[in-house]
N, C-alpha and C. Protein backbone atom coordinates (compact mmCIF):
# COMPACT_ATOMS: atom_id res chain seq x y z
N UNK A 1 97.12 113.54 99.34
CA UNK A 1 97.67 112.57 98.40
C UNK A 1 96.57 111.58 97.99
N UNK A 2 96.38 111.43 96.70
CA UNK A 2 95.39 110.50 96.17
C UNK A 2 96.05 109.14 95.97
N UNK A 3 95.38 108.08 96.40
CA UNK A 3 95.88 106.72 96.24
C UNK A 3 94.85 105.87 95.51
N UNK A 4 95.27 105.28 94.40
CA UNK A 4 94.43 104.36 93.64
C UNK A 4 95.12 103.00 93.58
N UNK A 5 94.34 101.94 93.73
CA UNK A 5 94.87 100.59 93.68
C UNK A 5 94.30 99.86 92.47
N UNK A 6 95.18 99.20 91.72
CA UNK A 6 94.78 98.41 90.56
C UNK A 6 95.24 96.99 90.77
N UNK A 7 94.31 96.05 90.81
CA UNK A 7 94.63 94.64 90.98
C UNK A 7 94.62 94.00 89.61
N UNK A 8 95.77 93.49 89.19
CA UNK A 8 95.88 93.02 87.82
C UNK A 8 97.04 92.05 87.69
N UNK A 9 97.17 91.43 86.51
CA UNK A 9 98.26 90.50 86.27
C UNK A 9 97.86 89.07 86.59
N UNK A 10 98.75 88.15 86.23
CA UNK A 10 98.48 86.73 86.38
C UNK A 10 98.33 86.30 87.84
N UNK A 11 98.94 87.04 88.74
CA UNK A 11 98.94 86.66 90.16
C UNK A 11 98.20 87.68 91.02
N UNK A 12 97.29 88.43 90.42
CA UNK A 12 96.49 89.43 91.15
C UNK A 12 97.37 90.36 91.97
N UNK A 13 98.26 91.02 91.27
CA UNK A 13 99.16 91.96 91.92
C UNK A 13 98.46 93.28 92.22
N UNK A 14 98.87 93.90 93.31
CA UNK A 14 98.45 95.26 93.60
C UNK A 14 99.44 96.24 92.98
N UNK A 15 98.93 97.13 92.14
CA UNK A 15 99.71 98.22 91.56
C UNK A 15 99.14 99.51 92.13
N UNK A 16 99.96 100.35 92.71
CA UNK A 16 99.49 101.53 93.44
C UNK A 16 99.89 102.81 92.70
N UNK A 17 98.91 103.67 92.47
CA UNK A 17 99.15 104.97 91.86
C UNK A 17 98.93 106.05 92.91
N UNK A 18 99.97 106.84 93.15
CA UNK A 18 99.90 107.96 94.08
C UNK A 18 99.97 109.26 93.29
N UNK A 19 99.07 110.18 93.59
CA UNK A 19 99.06 111.48 92.91
C UNK A 19 99.10 112.58 93.95
N UNK A 20 100.07 113.47 93.82
CA UNK A 20 100.15 114.65 94.68
C UNK A 20 99.27 115.73 94.06
N UNK A 21 98.23 116.11 94.77
CA UNK A 21 97.24 117.03 94.20
C UNK A 21 97.82 118.42 93.92
N UNK A 22 98.78 118.84 94.70
CA UNK A 22 99.33 120.19 94.54
C UNK A 22 100.27 120.27 93.34
N UNK A 23 101.21 119.33 93.25
CA UNK A 23 102.21 119.37 92.17
C UNK A 23 101.73 118.70 90.89
N UNK A 24 100.68 117.87 91.01
CA UNK A 24 100.18 117.06 89.89
C UNK A 24 101.19 116.00 89.45
N UNK A 25 102.10 115.65 90.34
CA UNK A 25 103.04 114.57 90.06
C UNK A 25 102.47 113.25 90.56
N UNK A 26 102.80 112.17 89.85
CA UNK A 26 102.29 110.85 90.21
C UNK A 26 103.41 109.83 90.17
N UNK A 27 103.25 108.79 90.99
CA UNK A 27 104.16 107.64 90.94
C UNK A 27 103.32 106.37 90.92
N UNK A 28 103.79 105.40 90.16
CA UNK A 28 103.18 104.07 90.13
C UNK A 28 104.13 103.11 90.83
N UNK A 29 103.61 102.39 91.82
CA UNK A 29 104.44 101.45 92.57
C UNK A 29 104.08 100.03 92.13
N UNK A 30 105.05 99.40 91.53
CA UNK A 30 104.97 98.09 90.87
C UNK A 30 104.15 98.19 89.58
N UNK A 31 104.43 97.26 88.68
CA UNK A 31 103.94 97.43 87.30
C UNK A 31 103.78 96.05 86.66
N UNK A 32 102.72 95.35 87.07
CA UNK A 32 102.56 93.96 86.64
C UNK A 32 102.12 93.83 85.19
N UNK A 33 101.41 94.84 84.69
CA UNK A 33 101.05 94.89 83.28
C UNK A 33 100.62 96.31 82.94
N UNK A 34 100.45 96.59 81.65
CA UNK A 34 99.99 97.91 81.27
C UNK A 34 98.52 98.05 81.65
N UNK A 35 98.17 99.15 82.33
CA UNK A 35 96.84 99.35 82.88
C UNK A 35 96.25 100.61 82.24
N UNK A 36 95.30 100.43 81.35
CA UNK A 36 94.72 101.58 80.65
C UNK A 36 94.03 102.53 81.62
N UNK A 37 93.49 102.00 82.70
CA UNK A 37 92.79 102.86 83.67
C UNK A 37 93.73 103.88 84.30
N UNK A 38 95.01 103.57 84.37
CA UNK A 38 95.98 104.54 84.88
C UNK A 38 95.98 105.78 83.99
N UNK A 39 95.93 105.58 82.67
CA UNK A 39 95.85 106.71 81.76
C UNK A 39 94.64 107.59 82.07
N UNK A 40 93.51 106.95 82.30
CA UNK A 40 92.27 107.68 82.57
C UNK A 40 92.40 108.50 83.84
N UNK A 41 92.93 107.88 84.90
CA UNK A 41 93.06 108.58 86.18
C UNK A 41 94.03 109.75 86.05
N UNK A 42 95.16 109.55 85.38
CA UNK A 42 96.12 110.63 85.20
C UNK A 42 95.48 111.81 84.46
N UNK A 43 94.72 111.52 83.43
CA UNK A 43 94.07 112.59 82.67
C UNK A 43 93.01 113.29 83.51
N UNK A 44 92.26 112.52 84.28
CA UNK A 44 91.22 113.12 85.12
C UNK A 44 91.78 114.10 86.14
N UNK A 45 92.98 113.80 86.64
CA UNK A 45 93.61 114.67 87.64
C UNK A 45 94.65 115.61 87.02
N UNK A 46 94.76 115.58 85.69
CA UNK A 46 95.75 116.40 84.98
C UNK A 46 97.14 116.19 85.58
N UNK A 47 97.47 114.92 85.82
CA UNK A 47 98.72 114.57 86.51
C UNK A 47 99.74 113.98 85.53
N UNK A 48 101.00 114.09 85.92
CA UNK A 48 102.11 113.57 85.13
C UNK A 48 102.77 112.42 85.89
N UNK A 49 102.96 111.29 85.21
CA UNK A 49 103.62 110.15 85.83
C UNK A 49 105.12 110.39 85.90
N UNK A 50 105.60 110.65 87.11
CA UNK A 50 107.02 111.01 87.31
C UNK A 50 107.90 109.77 87.43
N UNK A 51 107.45 108.80 88.23
CA UNK A 51 108.25 107.60 88.48
C UNK A 51 107.40 106.34 88.40
N UNK A 52 108.02 105.25 88.00
CA UNK A 52 107.53 103.90 88.28
C UNK A 52 108.53 103.27 89.22
N UNK A 53 108.08 102.88 90.40
CA UNK A 53 108.95 102.35 91.45
C UNK A 53 108.69 100.85 91.59
N UNK A 54 109.73 100.06 91.46
CA UNK A 54 109.62 98.60 91.53
C UNK A 54 110.13 98.12 92.89
N UNK A 55 109.31 97.31 93.58
CA UNK A 55 109.71 96.84 94.91
C UNK A 55 110.72 95.70 94.86
N UNK A 56 110.63 94.86 93.82
CA UNK A 56 111.59 93.76 93.67
C UNK A 56 111.49 93.22 92.25
N UNK A 57 112.43 92.34 91.89
CA UNK A 57 112.62 92.00 90.49
C UNK A 57 111.80 90.85 89.94
N UNK A 58 110.88 90.28 90.69
CA UNK A 58 110.10 89.16 90.15
C UNK A 58 109.22 89.61 88.99
N UNK A 59 109.05 88.70 88.03
CA UNK A 59 108.39 89.04 86.77
C UNK A 59 107.01 89.63 86.94
N UNK A 60 106.25 89.18 87.94
CA UNK A 60 104.87 89.64 88.09
C UNK A 60 104.77 91.08 88.57
N UNK A 61 105.91 91.68 88.92
CA UNK A 61 105.92 93.08 89.34
C UNK A 61 106.52 94.01 88.28
N UNK A 62 106.97 93.44 87.16
CA UNK A 62 107.68 94.28 86.18
C UNK A 62 107.22 94.11 84.74
N UNK A 63 106.29 93.18 84.47
CA UNK A 63 105.96 92.86 83.08
C UNK A 63 105.30 94.01 82.32
N UNK A 64 104.75 94.99 83.02
CA UNK A 64 104.12 96.11 82.34
C UNK A 64 105.03 97.28 82.05
N UNK A 65 106.29 97.19 82.48
CA UNK A 65 107.19 98.34 82.39
C UNK A 65 107.37 98.83 80.96
N UNK A 66 107.66 97.93 80.04
CA UNK A 66 108.02 98.37 78.69
C UNK A 66 106.87 99.09 77.99
N UNK A 67 105.65 98.64 78.19
CA UNK A 67 104.51 99.33 77.59
C UNK A 67 104.33 100.71 78.21
N UNK A 68 104.47 100.80 79.52
CA UNK A 68 104.38 102.11 80.16
C UNK A 68 105.50 103.02 79.68
N UNK A 69 106.70 102.45 79.52
CA UNK A 69 107.82 103.26 79.02
C UNK A 69 107.54 103.77 77.61
N UNK A 70 106.91 102.95 76.80
CA UNK A 70 106.53 103.37 75.46
C UNK A 70 105.51 104.50 75.50
N UNK A 71 104.56 104.40 76.41
CA UNK A 71 103.50 105.41 76.50
C UNK A 71 103.95 106.67 77.22
N UNK A 72 104.87 106.52 78.17
CA UNK A 72 105.34 107.65 78.98
C UNK A 72 106.87 107.66 79.01
N UNK A 73 107.52 108.00 77.90
CA UNK A 73 108.98 107.88 77.81
C UNK A 73 109.75 108.79 78.77
N UNK A 74 109.12 109.82 79.30
CA UNK A 74 109.81 110.72 80.23
C UNK A 74 109.73 110.23 81.68
N UNK A 75 108.91 109.22 81.92
CA UNK A 75 108.80 108.66 83.27
C UNK A 75 110.07 107.89 83.62
N UNK A 76 110.60 108.13 84.81
CA UNK A 76 111.79 107.43 85.28
C UNK A 76 111.39 106.12 85.93
N UNK A 77 112.00 105.03 85.50
CA UNK A 77 111.69 103.71 86.04
C UNK A 77 112.81 103.30 86.99
N UNK A 78 112.43 103.06 88.24
CA UNK A 78 113.37 102.85 89.33
C UNK A 78 113.21 101.44 89.87
N UNK A 79 114.33 100.74 90.07
CA UNK A 79 114.28 99.37 90.60
C UNK A 79 115.46 99.13 91.53
N UNK A 80 115.36 98.13 92.41
CA UNK A 80 116.45 97.86 93.37
C UNK A 80 117.69 97.31 92.68
N UNK A 81 118.82 97.86 93.05
CA UNK A 81 120.10 97.48 92.44
C UNK A 81 120.39 95.99 92.58
N UNK A 82 120.14 95.44 93.76
CA UNK A 82 120.50 94.04 94.01
C UNK A 82 119.58 93.05 93.32
N UNK A 83 118.51 93.55 92.70
CA UNK A 83 117.64 92.67 91.90
C UNK A 83 117.84 92.89 90.41
N UNK A 84 118.90 93.56 90.05
CA UNK A 84 119.17 93.80 88.62
C UNK A 84 119.28 92.49 87.85
N UNK A 85 119.92 91.48 88.46
CA UNK A 85 120.08 90.20 87.76
C UNK A 85 118.74 89.53 87.51
N UNK A 86 117.81 89.61 88.46
CA UNK A 86 116.48 89.03 88.28
C UNK A 86 115.75 89.69 87.12
N UNK A 87 115.84 91.01 87.06
CA UNK A 87 115.13 91.75 86.02
C UNK A 87 115.74 91.48 84.65
N UNK A 88 117.05 91.46 84.59
CA UNK A 88 117.70 91.26 83.29
C UNK A 88 117.60 89.82 82.81
N UNK A 89 117.33 88.89 83.72
CA UNK A 89 117.17 87.49 83.35
C UNK A 89 115.70 87.06 83.44
N UNK A 90 114.81 87.98 83.16
CA UNK A 90 113.37 87.74 83.34
C UNK A 90 112.88 86.56 82.51
N UNK A 91 113.45 86.37 81.31
CA UNK A 91 113.00 85.28 80.44
C UNK A 91 113.18 83.92 81.10
N UNK A 92 114.32 83.71 81.75
CA UNK A 92 114.58 82.44 82.42
C UNK A 92 113.58 82.21 83.55
N UNK A 93 113.33 83.26 84.32
CA UNK A 93 112.42 83.16 85.45
C UNK A 93 111.00 82.84 84.99
N UNK A 94 110.54 83.51 83.93
CA UNK A 94 109.20 83.27 83.41
C UNK A 94 109.08 81.84 82.88
N UNK A 95 110.08 81.39 82.13
CA UNK A 95 110.05 80.03 81.59
C UNK A 95 109.99 78.99 82.71
N UNK A 96 110.69 79.24 83.79
CA UNK A 96 110.76 78.29 84.90
C UNK A 96 109.43 78.18 85.63
N UNK A 97 108.73 79.30 85.79
CA UNK A 97 107.55 79.30 86.64
C UNK A 97 106.23 79.36 85.89
N UNK A 98 106.29 79.74 84.62
CA UNK A 98 105.05 79.80 83.84
C UNK A 98 105.20 79.01 82.55
N UNK A 99 106.12 79.43 81.70
CA UNK A 99 106.31 78.79 80.40
C UNK A 99 105.19 79.17 79.44
N UNK A 100 105.46 79.00 78.18
CA UNK A 100 104.45 79.23 77.16
C UNK A 100 104.21 80.68 76.81
N UNK A 101 105.00 81.60 77.36
CA UNK A 101 104.79 83.02 77.05
C UNK A 101 105.60 83.49 75.85
N UNK A 102 106.51 82.65 75.40
CA UNK A 102 107.36 83.07 74.29
C UNK A 102 108.41 84.07 74.75
N UNK A 103 108.90 84.86 73.81
CA UNK A 103 109.94 85.84 74.11
C UNK A 103 109.45 86.90 75.08
N UNK A 104 110.19 87.11 76.15
CA UNK A 104 109.87 88.16 77.12
C UNK A 104 111.02 89.15 77.12
N UNK A 105 110.74 90.37 76.71
CA UNK A 105 111.79 91.38 76.64
C UNK A 105 112.21 91.84 78.03
N UNK A 106 113.49 92.16 78.16
CA UNK A 106 114.00 92.68 79.43
C UNK A 106 113.35 94.03 79.71
N UNK A 107 112.79 94.23 80.89
CA UNK A 107 112.15 95.51 81.22
C UNK A 107 113.16 96.67 81.22
N UNK A 108 112.72 97.79 80.72
CA UNK A 108 113.54 99.00 80.72
C UNK A 108 113.62 99.56 82.14
N UNK A 109 114.82 99.81 82.63
CA UNK A 109 115.01 100.44 83.93
C UNK A 109 115.98 101.61 83.74
N UNK A 110 115.59 102.79 84.21
CA UNK A 110 116.44 103.97 84.08
C UNK A 110 117.47 104.06 85.19
N UNK A 111 117.12 103.60 86.38
CA UNK A 111 117.98 103.83 87.53
C UNK A 111 117.82 102.69 88.53
N UNK A 112 118.92 101.97 88.78
CA UNK A 112 118.94 100.97 89.84
C UNK A 112 119.42 101.63 91.12
N UNK A 113 118.69 101.47 92.20
CA UNK A 113 118.93 102.26 93.40
C UNK A 113 119.12 101.39 94.63
N UNK A 114 119.60 102.03 95.69
CA UNK A 114 119.73 101.39 97.00
C UNK A 114 119.06 102.30 98.02
N UNK A 115 119.13 101.90 99.28
CA UNK A 115 118.41 102.67 100.30
C UNK A 115 119.07 103.98 100.68
N UNK A 116 120.16 104.36 100.03
CA UNK A 116 120.74 105.68 100.26
C UNK A 116 120.12 106.72 99.32
N UNK A 117 119.36 106.26 98.35
CA UNK A 117 118.76 107.18 97.39
C UNK A 117 117.40 107.66 97.88
N UNK A 118 117.05 108.90 97.51
CA UNK A 118 115.74 109.44 97.84
C UNK A 118 115.16 110.15 96.63
N UNK A 119 113.85 110.10 96.54
CA UNK A 119 113.13 110.77 95.47
C UNK A 119 111.97 111.53 96.09
N UNK A 120 111.31 112.35 95.30
CA UNK A 120 110.19 113.12 95.82
C UNK A 120 109.01 113.06 94.87
N UNK A 121 107.82 113.20 95.44
CA UNK A 121 106.60 113.45 94.68
C UNK A 121 106.00 114.70 95.30
N UNK A 122 106.02 115.79 94.56
CA UNK A 122 105.67 117.06 95.14
C UNK A 122 106.66 117.40 96.25
N UNK A 123 106.13 117.74 97.42
CA UNK A 123 106.99 118.04 98.57
C UNK A 123 107.20 116.82 99.47
N UNK A 124 106.71 115.68 99.05
CA UNK A 124 106.80 114.46 99.85
C UNK A 124 108.01 113.63 99.45
N UNK A 125 108.80 113.23 100.43
CA UNK A 125 109.93 112.36 100.16
C UNK A 125 109.48 110.92 99.93
N UNK A 126 110.16 110.27 99.02
CA UNK A 126 109.98 108.84 98.81
C UNK A 126 111.21 108.16 99.37
N UNK A 127 111.04 107.45 100.47
CA UNK A 127 112.19 106.80 101.12
C UNK A 127 112.26 105.35 100.69
N UNK A 128 113.45 104.90 100.33
CA UNK A 128 113.69 103.51 99.94
C UNK A 128 114.26 102.78 101.15
N UNK A 129 113.63 101.67 101.53
CA UNK A 129 114.07 100.91 102.69
C UNK A 129 114.45 99.51 102.23
N UNK A 130 115.69 99.14 102.40
CA UNK A 130 116.16 97.82 101.99
C UNK A 130 115.52 96.74 102.86
N UNK A 131 114.83 95.79 102.21
CA UNK A 131 114.15 94.71 102.95
C UNK A 131 114.35 93.37 102.22
N UNK A 132 115.58 92.87 102.21
CA UNK A 132 115.84 91.59 101.53
C UNK A 132 115.16 90.43 102.25
N UNK A 133 115.05 89.33 101.54
CA UNK A 133 114.48 88.11 102.12
C UNK A 133 113.60 87.40 101.12
N UNK A 134 112.66 88.12 100.52
CA UNK A 134 111.88 87.55 99.42
C UNK A 134 112.76 87.46 98.18
N UNK A 135 113.52 88.52 97.95
CA UNK A 135 114.60 88.52 96.96
C UNK A 135 115.81 89.18 97.60
N UNK A 136 116.95 89.13 96.93
CA UNK A 136 118.16 89.76 97.48
C UNK A 136 118.01 91.26 97.63
N UNK A 137 117.33 91.88 96.67
CA UNK A 137 117.29 93.34 96.63
C UNK A 137 115.97 93.96 96.98
N UNK A 138 115.03 93.19 97.49
CA UNK A 138 113.70 93.72 97.75
C UNK A 138 113.72 94.97 98.61
N UNK A 139 112.85 95.92 98.29
CA UNK A 139 112.75 97.15 99.07
C UNK A 139 111.29 97.44 99.38
N UNK A 140 111.09 98.23 100.41
CA UNK A 140 109.80 98.87 100.67
C UNK A 140 109.97 100.36 100.38
N UNK A 141 108.88 101.00 100.01
CA UNK A 141 108.88 102.45 99.80
C UNK A 141 107.98 103.09 100.85
N UNK A 142 108.48 104.15 101.47
CA UNK A 142 107.71 104.94 102.41
C UNK A 142 107.38 106.28 101.75
N UNK A 143 106.07 106.54 101.60
CA UNK A 143 105.59 107.76 100.96
C UNK A 143 104.37 108.26 101.71
N UNK A 144 104.35 109.53 102.06
CA UNK A 144 103.17 110.15 102.65
C UNK A 144 102.66 109.35 103.85
N UNK A 145 103.58 108.93 104.72
CA UNK A 145 103.26 108.16 105.93
C UNK A 145 102.54 106.86 105.62
N UNK A 146 102.89 106.29 104.48
CA UNK A 146 102.38 104.98 104.08
C UNK A 146 103.57 104.10 103.69
N UNK A 147 103.45 102.79 103.90
CA UNK A 147 104.48 101.84 103.50
C UNK A 147 103.94 100.99 102.36
N UNK A 148 104.73 100.86 101.31
CA UNK A 148 104.40 99.98 100.20
C UNK A 148 105.42 98.84 100.24
N UNK A 149 104.95 97.66 100.62
CA UNK A 149 105.86 96.60 101.06
C UNK A 149 106.20 95.57 100.00
N UNK A 150 105.63 95.69 98.79
CA UNK A 150 105.90 94.65 97.81
C UNK A 150 105.52 93.29 98.37
N UNK A 151 106.42 92.32 98.23
CA UNK A 151 106.16 90.97 98.76
C UNK A 151 106.95 90.69 100.03
N UNK A 152 107.35 91.74 100.74
CA UNK A 152 108.03 91.54 102.01
C UNK A 152 107.03 91.23 103.11
N UNK A 153 106.00 92.06 103.23
CA UNK A 153 104.98 91.90 104.28
C UNK A 153 103.62 91.74 103.62
N UNK A 154 102.89 90.71 104.03
CA UNK A 154 101.48 90.56 103.69
C UNK A 154 100.66 90.62 104.97
N UNK A 155 99.35 90.66 104.83
CA UNK A 155 98.48 90.66 105.99
C UNK A 155 98.69 89.38 106.77
N UNK A 156 99.31 89.51 107.95
CA UNK A 156 99.56 88.35 108.80
C UNK A 156 100.51 87.34 108.22
N UNK A 157 101.38 87.77 107.32
CA UNK A 157 102.28 86.82 106.65
C UNK A 157 103.46 87.57 106.05
N UNK A 158 104.31 86.80 105.36
CA UNK A 158 105.46 87.38 104.66
C UNK A 158 105.58 86.72 103.29
N UNK A 159 106.41 87.29 102.43
CA UNK A 159 106.65 86.71 101.13
C UNK A 159 107.42 85.39 101.23
N UNK A 160 107.22 84.54 100.24
CA UNK A 160 107.90 83.25 100.24
C UNK A 160 109.41 83.45 100.09
N UNK A 161 110.17 82.53 100.63
CA UNK A 161 111.63 82.65 100.61
C UNK A 161 112.30 81.45 99.94
N UNK A 162 111.52 80.63 99.24
CA UNK A 162 112.08 79.43 98.61
C UNK A 162 112.45 79.64 97.15
N UNK A 163 112.35 80.87 96.66
CA UNK A 163 112.76 81.18 95.29
C UNK A 163 114.21 81.67 95.29
N UNK A 164 114.86 81.71 94.11
CA UNK A 164 116.25 82.18 94.06
C UNK A 164 116.41 83.56 94.70
N UNK A 165 117.37 83.68 95.60
CA UNK A 165 117.61 84.93 96.30
C UNK A 165 116.83 85.08 97.58
N UNK A 166 115.93 84.13 97.87
CA UNK A 166 115.14 84.20 99.10
C UNK A 166 115.91 83.71 100.31
N UNK A 167 115.57 84.27 101.47
CA UNK A 167 116.25 83.88 102.71
C UNK A 167 115.32 84.19 103.88
N UNK A 168 114.91 83.17 104.62
CA UNK A 168 113.93 83.37 105.67
C UNK A 168 114.44 84.27 106.79
N UNK A 169 115.67 84.07 107.22
CA UNK A 169 116.20 84.90 108.31
C UNK A 169 116.29 86.36 107.88
N UNK A 170 116.61 86.59 106.60
CA UNK A 170 116.64 87.97 106.12
C UNK A 170 115.26 88.60 106.12
N UNK A 171 114.25 87.85 105.68
CA UNK A 171 112.91 88.45 105.66
C UNK A 171 112.40 88.67 107.07
N UNK A 172 112.75 87.81 108.00
CA UNK A 172 112.39 88.03 109.40
C UNK A 172 113.00 89.35 109.89
N UNK A 173 114.27 89.55 109.60
CA UNK A 173 114.93 90.79 110.01
C UNK A 173 114.33 92.01 109.32
N UNK A 174 113.97 91.85 108.05
CA UNK A 174 113.39 92.97 107.30
C UNK A 174 112.04 93.37 107.87
N UNK A 175 111.21 92.39 108.19
CA UNK A 175 109.90 92.70 108.78
C UNK A 175 110.07 93.40 110.12
N UNK A 176 110.94 92.88 110.96
CA UNK A 176 111.19 93.53 112.25
C UNK A 176 111.68 94.95 112.07
N UNK A 177 112.52 95.17 111.10
CA UNK A 177 113.06 96.50 110.81
C UNK A 177 111.93 97.48 110.49
N UNK A 178 111.03 97.08 109.59
CA UNK A 178 109.92 97.95 109.21
C UNK A 178 109.03 98.24 110.42
N UNK A 179 108.72 97.22 111.18
CA UNK A 179 107.80 97.39 112.31
C UNK A 179 108.40 98.23 113.42
N UNK A 180 109.72 98.26 113.51
CA UNK A 180 110.38 99.10 114.51
C UNK A 180 110.53 100.55 114.04
N UNK A 181 110.53 100.76 112.74
CA UNK A 181 110.77 102.09 112.18
C UNK A 181 109.55 103.00 112.23
N UNK A 182 108.35 102.41 112.23
CA UNK A 182 107.14 103.20 112.02
C UNK A 182 106.14 103.02 113.16
N UNK A 183 105.28 104.02 113.32
CA UNK A 183 104.24 103.99 114.35
C UNK A 183 103.20 102.90 114.04
N UNK A 184 102.51 102.47 115.08
CA UNK A 184 101.54 101.38 114.94
C UNK A 184 100.45 101.69 113.92
N UNK A 185 100.05 102.93 113.81
CA UNK A 185 98.97 103.30 112.90
C UNK A 185 99.36 103.42 111.45
N UNK A 186 100.63 103.22 111.13
CA UNK A 186 101.09 103.37 109.75
C UNK A 186 100.52 102.25 108.88
N UNK A 187 99.82 102.60 107.80
CA UNK A 187 99.28 101.56 106.93
C UNK A 187 100.36 100.91 106.07
N UNK A 188 100.17 99.65 105.77
CA UNK A 188 101.08 98.89 104.91
C UNK A 188 100.28 98.40 103.71
N UNK A 189 100.69 98.80 102.53
CA UNK A 189 100.04 98.38 101.29
C UNK A 189 100.91 97.30 100.64
N UNK A 190 100.35 96.10 100.54
CA UNK A 190 101.12 94.91 100.17
C UNK A 190 101.07 94.66 98.67
N UNK A 191 102.01 93.84 98.20
CA UNK A 191 102.09 93.51 96.79
C UNK A 191 100.96 92.63 96.30
N UNK A 192 100.36 91.88 97.19
CA UNK A 192 99.21 91.03 96.89
C UNK A 192 98.27 91.07 98.09
N UNK A 193 96.98 90.98 97.84
CA UNK A 193 96.03 90.86 98.93
C UNK A 193 95.72 92.17 99.63
N UNK A 194 95.12 92.03 100.82
CA UNK A 194 94.62 93.18 101.57
C UNK A 194 95.77 93.97 102.21
N UNK A 195 95.48 95.22 102.51
CA UNK A 195 96.43 96.05 103.25
C UNK A 195 96.39 95.69 104.73
N UNK A 196 97.37 96.19 105.46
CA UNK A 196 97.46 95.92 106.89
C UNK A 196 98.05 97.15 107.57
N UNK A 197 98.55 97.01 108.76
CA UNK A 197 99.17 98.13 109.47
C UNK A 197 100.33 97.62 110.32
N UNK A 198 101.18 98.56 110.71
CA UNK A 198 102.32 98.19 111.54
C UNK A 198 101.85 97.58 112.85
N UNK A 199 100.86 98.19 113.48
CA UNK A 199 100.37 97.68 114.75
C UNK A 199 99.79 96.28 114.65
N UNK A 200 99.04 96.02 113.59
CA UNK A 200 98.46 94.69 113.41
C UNK A 200 99.56 93.65 113.23
N UNK A 201 100.56 93.97 112.43
CA UNK A 201 101.61 92.99 112.16
C UNK A 201 102.47 92.73 113.39
N UNK A 202 102.62 93.71 114.26
CA UNK A 202 103.38 93.49 115.49
C UNK A 202 102.74 92.40 116.34
N UNK A 203 101.42 92.28 116.24
CA UNK A 203 100.69 91.30 117.04
C UNK A 203 100.50 89.98 116.30
N UNK A 204 100.24 90.08 114.98
CA UNK A 204 99.76 88.91 114.26
C UNK A 204 100.75 88.29 113.26
N UNK A 205 101.84 88.97 112.96
CA UNK A 205 102.73 88.39 111.96
C UNK A 205 103.54 87.24 112.59
N UNK A 206 103.52 86.05 111.99
CA UNK A 206 104.14 84.89 112.62
C UNK A 206 105.66 84.94 112.71
N UNK A 207 106.31 85.83 111.96
CA UNK A 207 107.78 85.87 112.03
C UNK A 207 108.27 86.70 113.22
N UNK A 208 107.38 87.41 113.89
CA UNK A 208 107.77 88.24 115.02
C UNK A 208 107.86 87.41 116.30
């Protein structure tokens, strides 16, 4: 499995592109803005973008969706069901925390999902793990023995819980859930900043 990381957007978001070399299927995890380099990588590997997977509904993780949807209309855009209100009310959220952007269109989403849903890239399952706390509907994705944590887990830290839908006790439970589910060597790819691992967070994450 090929993994490419693109750091972009107003808040230096990590956008992750996974490509299955055998099937030539690809998924993009989070979508902070349209990234032309993704086009280049897909063409270089002769890959097709199958899914865009959103970890949670905050604007900095979804602002690129509509442009990608325009460029790749057959790509399925997947987002957490419990964050549907955040995504559909994106204009209010942007005005509150940034302002000056003008009209912000609601991101296109094909399928709002919960942790009972599963998807695949090639022969690899994409598991959705409900991890509320940063938002009501935040999820992590487990793919190819890797965790993509959005803003639930950061290196030695967790996502903020003082925004609408945030809850510290929920994020504490969510982090513990992830760390109990996976082996210590499992890498964690975060929504911002450096990657980490399950074993490191068991020792160093302050919510444990």
